[in-house]
Amino acid sequence: MTDQELLQAIRTITREELQESEKRMKGEIQESEKRMKGEIQESEKRMKGEIQESEKCMRGEIQESEKRMRGEIQESEKRMRGEIQESEKRMRGEIQESQKQISKDVAILMDAEFSPKFNLLAEELSIIREKVENLEKKVDGLEDKVLEHDFRLKIIK
């Protein structure tokens, strides 16, 4: 065998070995890809599980937060109702005080307005009574005279 043929045989062997090496490597790559895909799927499965667990946890936290917030809202409503009741109580007190003051002012106004008029009426009534008494005395006197004249007329007849 000549050098040339030997070289050719080496090249052929090398090519064959190289092709077989590439074939083995492709097989290993495919196996590696298959393993990696499996690992990726497993990882995705674990991550989905973690996501679901996280969502479950977050839902629990949201429910707890809503529960706390409802409690705070109820407390706030309770405080507000108390403040409203206190405000109403103060307003009723102020209204009562205002009504008392108005009553006093009306009484003072009425006293200032009506007392002088009633006093004048009382004086005029007193004067009228005196005049009526005087008139009654005069009428009584006239009745007496009429009776006396009637009596005299009867005697004369």
Foldseek 3Di string as FASTA:
>chain_A
DDPVVVVVVVVVVVVVVVVVVVVVVVVVVVVVVVVVVVVVVVVVVVVVVVVVVVVVVVVVVVVVVVVVVVVVVVVVVVVVVVVVVVVVVVVVVVVVVVVVVVVVVVVVVCCVPPVVVVVVVVVVVVVVVVVVVVVVVVVVVVVVVVVVVVVVVVVVD
